[in-house]
N, C-alpha and C. Protein backbone atom coordinates (compact mmCIF):
# COMPACT_ATOMS: atom_id res chain seq x y z
N GLN A 1 89.69 129.26 118.85
CA GLN A 1 90.45 128.07 119.19
C GLN A 1 91.62 127.85 118.25
N GLY A 2 91.85 128.75 117.28
CA GLY A 2 93.01 128.62 116.43
C GLY A 2 92.67 128.44 114.98
N GLN A 3 93.68 128.74 114.15
CA GLN A 3 93.51 128.59 112.71
C GLN A 3 93.72 127.14 112.30
N LEU A 4 93.09 126.78 111.18
CA LEU A 4 93.19 125.43 110.64
C LEU A 4 93.60 125.53 109.18
N VAL A 5 94.60 124.74 108.78
CA VAL A 5 95.06 124.74 107.41
C VAL A 5 95.07 123.30 106.90
N GLU A 6 94.21 123.05 105.90
CA GLU A 6 94.11 121.72 105.31
C GLU A 6 95.04 121.61 104.10
N SER A 7 95.53 120.41 103.86
CA SER A 7 96.40 120.18 102.70
C SER A 7 96.34 118.72 102.29
N GLY A 8 96.88 118.44 101.10
CA GLY A 8 97.03 117.06 100.68
C GLY A 8 96.00 116.57 99.68
N GLY A 9 95.04 117.40 99.32
CA GLY A 9 94.04 116.97 98.35
C GLY A 9 94.64 116.83 96.96
N GLY A 10 93.83 116.34 96.04
CA GLY A 10 94.30 116.18 94.66
C GLY A 10 93.34 115.36 93.85
N LEU A 11 93.84 114.95 92.68
CA LEU A 11 93.06 114.14 91.74
C LEU A 11 93.55 112.70 91.82
N VAL A 12 92.63 111.76 91.98
CA VAL A 12 93.00 110.35 92.09
C VAL A 12 91.96 109.51 91.34
N GLN A 13 92.38 108.39 90.83
CA GLN A 13 91.45 107.50 90.14
C GLN A 13 90.65 106.68 91.15
N ALA A 14 89.48 106.26 90.73
CA ALA A 14 88.65 105.41 91.58
C ALA A 14 89.44 104.18 92.02
N GLY A 15 89.30 103.85 93.30
CA GLY A 15 90.05 102.74 93.86
C GLY A 15 91.36 103.15 94.48
N GLY A 16 91.77 104.38 94.24
CA GLY A 16 93.04 104.86 94.76
C GLY A 16 92.95 105.36 96.19
N SER A 17 94.08 105.89 96.67
CA SER A 17 94.18 106.36 98.05
C SER A 17 94.75 107.77 98.09
N LEU A 18 94.44 108.45 99.18
CA LEU A 18 94.93 109.81 99.38
C LEU A 18 94.93 110.08 100.88
N ARG A 19 95.88 110.87 101.34
CA ARG A 19 95.87 111.28 102.75
C ARG A 19 95.85 112.80 102.81
N VAL A 20 94.88 113.34 103.52
CA VAL A 20 94.81 114.78 103.73
C VAL A 20 95.20 115.09 105.17
N SER A 21 95.74 116.28 105.35
CA SER A 21 96.25 116.70 106.66
C SER A 21 95.63 118.03 107.05
N CYS A 22 95.61 118.28 108.35
CA CYS A 22 95.10 119.54 108.85
C CYS A 22 95.93 119.94 110.07
N ARG A 23 96.57 121.09 109.98
CA ARG A 23 97.38 121.59 111.08
C ARG A 23 96.64 122.71 111.77
N ALA A 24 96.59 122.63 113.09
CA ALA A 24 95.90 123.64 113.89
C ALA A 24 96.91 124.49 114.66
N SER A 25 96.68 125.77 114.69
CA SER A 25 97.54 126.68 115.45
C SER A 25 96.87 126.96 116.78
N THR A 26 97.04 126.05 117.72
CA THR A 26 96.48 126.20 119.05
C THR A 26 97.42 125.53 120.04
N ARG A 27 97.47 126.05 121.25
CA ARG A 27 98.43 125.53 122.21
C ARG A 27 97.95 124.26 122.91
N ILE A 28 96.65 124.00 122.86
CA ILE A 28 96.11 122.85 123.60
C ILE A 28 95.36 121.91 122.67
N PHE A 29 95.97 121.63 121.52
CA PHE A 29 95.35 120.80 120.49
C PHE A 29 94.90 119.46 121.04
N SER A 30 95.71 118.87 121.91
CA SER A 30 95.44 117.51 122.38
C SER A 30 94.12 117.40 123.14
N GLY A 31 93.61 118.51 123.63
CA GLY A 31 92.39 118.47 124.42
C GLY A 31 91.12 118.57 123.61
N PHE A 32 91.26 118.77 122.31
CA PHE A 32 90.09 118.99 121.47
C PHE A 32 89.74 117.76 120.64
N ALA A 33 88.45 117.49 120.51
CA ALA A 33 87.99 116.54 119.51
C ALA A 33 88.05 117.23 118.15
N MET A 34 88.55 116.52 117.15
CA MET A 34 88.71 117.08 115.81
C MET A 34 87.90 116.29 114.80
N GLY A 35 87.28 116.98 113.87
CA GLY A 35 86.49 116.30 112.86
C GLY A 35 86.95 116.65 111.46
N TRP A 36 86.76 115.71 110.55
CA TRP A 36 86.90 115.96 109.11
C TRP A 36 85.48 116.01 108.53
N TYR A 37 85.27 117.00 107.67
CA TYR A 37 83.98 117.21 107.04
C TYR A 37 84.21 117.34 105.54
N ARG A 38 83.15 117.18 104.76
CA ARG A 38 83.28 117.39 103.33
C ARG A 38 82.00 118.01 102.78
N GLN A 39 82.20 118.74 101.69
CA GLN A 39 81.05 119.35 101.02
C GLN A 39 81.21 119.16 99.52
N ALA A 40 80.27 118.44 98.94
CA ALA A 40 80.24 118.23 97.50
C ALA A 40 79.38 119.32 96.86
N PRO A 41 79.59 119.61 95.59
CA PRO A 41 78.80 120.65 94.92
C PRO A 41 77.30 120.40 95.05
N GLY A 42 76.58 121.42 95.48
CA GLY A 42 75.13 121.32 95.59
C GLY A 42 74.63 120.56 96.79
N LYS A 43 75.56 120.14 97.68
CA LYS A 43 75.16 119.37 98.85
C LYS A 43 75.58 120.08 100.13
N GLN A 44 74.96 119.69 101.23
CA GLN A 44 75.34 120.25 102.52
C GLN A 44 76.63 119.62 103.02
N ARG A 45 77.34 120.36 103.86
CA ARG A 45 78.54 119.84 104.47
C ARG A 45 78.16 118.69 105.41
N GLU A 46 78.95 117.64 105.39
CA GLU A 46 78.67 116.47 106.23
C GLU A 46 79.90 116.05 107.01
N LEU A 47 79.65 115.45 108.17
CA LEU A 47 80.73 114.91 108.98
C LEU A 47 81.22 113.60 108.38
N VAL A 48 82.52 113.50 108.18
CA VAL A 48 83.12 112.28 107.64
C VAL A 48 83.66 111.41 108.76
N ALA A 49 84.41 112.03 109.67
CA ALA A 49 85.04 111.28 110.76
C ALA A 49 85.37 112.23 111.89
N VAL A 50 85.45 111.68 113.09
CA VAL A 50 85.82 112.47 114.26
C VAL A 50 86.77 111.64 115.12
N ILE A 51 87.73 112.33 115.73
CA ILE A 51 88.62 111.68 116.69
C ILE A 51 88.61 112.50 117.97
N PHE A 52 88.35 111.85 119.07
CA PHE A 52 88.25 112.54 120.36
C PHE A 52 89.62 112.60 121.02
N SER A 53 89.69 113.39 122.08
CA SER A 53 90.98 113.63 122.72
C SER A 53 91.60 112.34 123.24
N GLY A 54 90.78 111.38 123.63
CA GLY A 54 91.29 110.11 124.13
C GLY A 54 91.64 109.11 123.05
N GLY A 55 91.37 109.48 121.80
CA GLY A 55 91.71 108.61 120.68
C GLY A 55 90.54 107.85 120.08
N HIS A 56 89.39 107.87 120.74
CA HIS A 56 88.21 107.20 120.19
C HIS A 56 87.82 107.85 118.86
N THR A 57 87.40 107.04 117.91
CA THR A 57 87.03 107.54 116.59
C THR A 57 85.61 107.11 116.22
N ASP A 58 85.03 107.88 115.31
CA ASP A 58 83.72 107.53 114.77
C ASP A 58 83.68 108.00 113.32
N TYR A 59 82.88 107.30 112.49
CA TYR A 59 82.87 107.56 111.05
C TYR A 59 81.45 107.64 110.52
N GLY A 60 81.31 108.41 109.43
CA GLY A 60 80.06 108.39 108.71
C GLY A 60 79.87 107.04 108.03
N ASP A 61 78.61 106.64 107.84
CA ASP A 61 78.34 105.32 107.29
C ASP A 61 78.97 105.11 105.92
N SER A 62 79.03 106.16 105.11
CA SER A 62 79.50 106.01 103.74
C SER A 62 81.01 105.78 103.64
N VAL A 63 81.75 106.02 104.72
CA VAL A 63 83.21 105.89 104.66
C VAL A 63 83.76 104.83 105.60
N LYS A 64 82.88 104.21 106.38
CA LYS A 64 83.34 103.19 107.33
C LYS A 64 84.05 102.07 106.60
N GLY A 65 85.20 101.68 107.13
CA GLY A 65 85.98 100.61 106.52
C GLY A 65 86.91 101.08 105.41
N ARG A 66 86.76 102.34 104.97
CA ARG A 66 87.61 102.87 103.89
C ARG A 66 88.50 104.01 104.36
N PHE A 67 88.00 104.83 105.27
CA PHE A 67 88.73 106.00 105.75
C PHE A 67 89.20 105.76 107.18
N THR A 68 90.35 106.37 107.52
CA THR A 68 90.88 106.29 108.88
C THR A 68 91.34 107.68 109.32
N ILE A 69 90.81 108.12 110.45
CA ILE A 69 91.24 109.41 111.02
C ILE A 69 92.27 109.14 112.10
N SER A 70 93.27 109.99 112.18
CA SER A 70 94.30 109.87 113.22
C SER A 70 94.80 111.26 113.56
N ARG A 71 95.58 111.33 114.63
CA ARG A 71 96.09 112.63 115.05
C ARG A 71 97.50 112.48 115.60
N ASP A 72 98.29 113.53 115.45
CA ASP A 72 99.63 113.62 116.03
C ASP A 72 99.63 114.88 116.87
N ASN A 73 99.44 114.72 118.16
CA ASN A 73 99.32 115.89 119.03
C ASN A 73 100.62 116.68 119.10
N ALA A 74 101.75 116.04 118.93
CA ALA A 74 103.03 116.74 118.96
C ALA A 74 103.16 117.70 117.78
N LYS A 75 102.44 117.41 116.70
CA LYS A 75 102.50 118.25 115.50
C LYS A 75 101.22 119.07 115.31
N ASN A 76 100.32 119.00 116.28
CA ASN A 76 99.04 119.72 116.16
C ASN A 76 98.33 119.39 114.85
N THR A 77 98.38 118.14 114.45
CA THR A 77 97.89 117.76 113.13
C THR A 77 96.93 116.57 113.22
N VAL A 78 95.88 116.65 112.42
CA VAL A 78 94.95 115.54 112.27
C VAL A 78 94.97 115.10 110.81
N TYR A 79 94.90 113.79 110.61
CA TYR A 79 95.00 113.22 109.26
C TYR A 79 93.72 112.46 108.91
N LEU A 80 93.50 112.32 107.62
CA LEU A 80 92.44 111.46 107.13
C LEU A 80 93.02 110.62 105.99
N GLN A 81 93.21 109.35 106.26
CA GLN A 81 93.66 108.41 105.23
C GLN A 81 92.44 107.87 104.51
N MET A 82 92.40 108.04 103.20
CA MET A 82 91.24 107.64 102.40
C MET A 82 91.66 106.56 101.41
N ASN A 83 91.09 105.39 101.56
CA ASN A 83 91.37 104.27 100.67
C ASN A 83 90.11 103.90 99.89
N SER A 84 90.31 103.14 98.83
CA SER A 84 89.18 102.69 97.98
C SER A 84 88.27 103.86 97.63
N LEU A 85 88.88 104.93 97.18
CA LEU A 85 88.11 106.14 96.88
C LEU A 85 87.16 105.90 95.72
N GLN A 86 86.01 106.55 95.80
CA GLN A 86 84.97 106.45 94.79
C GLN A 86 84.62 107.84 94.28
N PRO A 87 84.06 107.94 93.07
CA PRO A 87 83.67 109.26 92.57
C PRO A 87 82.75 110.02 93.54
N GLY A 88 81.95 109.31 94.29
CA GLY A 88 81.07 109.95 95.27
C GLY A 88 81.80 110.59 96.43
N ASP A 89 83.10 110.33 96.56
CA ASP A 89 83.91 110.97 97.60
C ASP A 89 84.43 112.34 97.17
N THR A 90 84.19 112.71 95.92
CA THR A 90 84.64 114.00 95.42
C THR A 90 83.98 115.13 96.19
N ALA A 91 84.80 116.00 96.76
CA ALA A 91 84.29 117.09 97.60
C ALA A 91 85.46 117.95 98.05
N VAL A 92 85.12 119.08 98.66
CA VAL A 92 86.12 119.85 99.40
C VAL A 92 86.10 119.32 100.84
N TYR A 93 87.28 118.97 101.33
CA TYR A 93 87.41 118.40 102.67
C TYR A 93 87.93 119.46 103.63
N TYR A 94 87.26 119.56 104.76
CA TYR A 94 87.60 120.53 105.80
C TYR A 94 87.83 119.80 107.11
N CYS A 95 88.67 120.37 107.95
CA CYS A 95 88.74 119.90 109.33
C CYS A 95 88.23 121.01 110.24
N ASN A 96 87.85 120.64 111.44
CA ASN A 96 87.44 121.65 112.40
C ASN A 96 87.38 121.07 113.80
N PHE A 97 87.31 121.95 114.75
CA PHE A 97 87.11 121.56 116.14
C PHE A 97 85.67 121.07 116.28
N TYR A 98 85.51 119.81 116.67
CA TYR A 98 84.21 119.15 116.63
C TYR A 98 83.16 119.90 117.45
N ASN A 99 83.53 120.37 118.62
CA ASN A 99 82.55 121.02 119.48
C ASN A 99 82.06 122.35 118.89
N THR A 100 82.93 123.05 118.16
CA THR A 100 82.50 124.32 117.60
C THR A 100 81.50 124.10 116.48
N VAL A 101 81.63 122.99 115.77
CA VAL A 101 80.66 122.69 114.72
C VAL A 101 79.31 122.35 115.36
N LEU A 102 79.34 121.58 116.43
CA LEU A 102 78.09 121.23 117.12
C LEU A 102 77.36 122.45 117.66
N THR A 103 78.12 123.44 118.13
CA THR A 103 77.50 124.62 118.72
C THR A 103 77.24 125.73 117.71
N GLY A 104 77.64 125.50 116.46
CA GLY A 104 77.40 126.49 115.42
C GLY A 104 78.33 127.68 115.48
N THR A 105 79.47 127.54 116.14
CA THR A 105 80.41 128.65 116.29
C THR A 105 81.69 128.45 115.49
N ALA A 106 81.71 127.45 114.61
CA ALA A 106 82.93 127.12 113.88
C ALA A 106 83.25 128.17 112.82
N THR A 107 84.54 128.41 112.66
CA THR A 107 85.07 129.21 111.55
C THR A 107 85.77 128.24 110.62
N TRP A 108 85.42 128.30 109.35
CA TRP A 108 85.94 127.32 108.40
C TRP A 108 87.14 127.84 107.63
N GLY A 109 88.09 126.96 107.37
CA GLY A 109 89.23 127.28 106.53
C GLY A 109 88.88 127.11 105.06
N ARG A 110 89.90 127.07 104.21
CA ARG A 110 89.68 126.96 102.77
C ARG A 110 89.41 125.52 102.34
N GLY A 111 89.79 124.58 103.16
CA GLY A 111 89.59 123.19 102.80
C GLY A 111 90.59 122.73 101.75
N THR A 112 90.48 121.47 101.36
CA THR A 112 91.34 120.92 100.32
C THR A 112 90.48 120.07 99.39
N GLN A 113 90.64 120.28 98.10
CA GLN A 113 89.81 119.62 97.10
C GLN A 113 90.28 118.20 96.84
N VAL A 114 89.36 117.26 96.93
CA VAL A 114 89.62 115.87 96.56
C VAL A 114 88.70 115.52 95.39
N THR A 115 89.30 115.10 94.29
CA THR A 115 88.53 114.73 93.11
C THR A 115 88.87 113.30 92.73
N VAL A 116 87.84 112.47 92.62
CA VAL A 116 88.03 111.07 92.27
C VAL A 116 87.42 110.83 90.89
N SER A 117 88.25 110.41 89.96
CA SER A 117 87.78 110.17 88.59
C SER A 117 87.40 108.70 88.42
N SER A 118 86.41 108.49 87.57
CA SER A 118 85.94 107.10 87.35
C SER A 118 86.70 106.42 86.23
């Protein structure tokens, strides 16, 4: 379904904000549900947020009210705006096609590192 390239991570202090981006190389990006995932050291990868083709969104409990997922179909890009960041948000953040993760057929990119200092 195409390559995914994440960007925008970095080091931020607790309480700060960061926006990460993910560009997909696919011709029919608008038809896919896209998810942001994260993996902290020693932990399993978890779903952070998902945005469906119609624009509906859903979030993990730990980020509700702090993170916002959005997409720009003209740019084949999905974004994750992260506010009120906490040290527990430190992880490598990945995006992927939501359905491929559900079916276990996803290919993962390099992700982008987000580090929140206390």
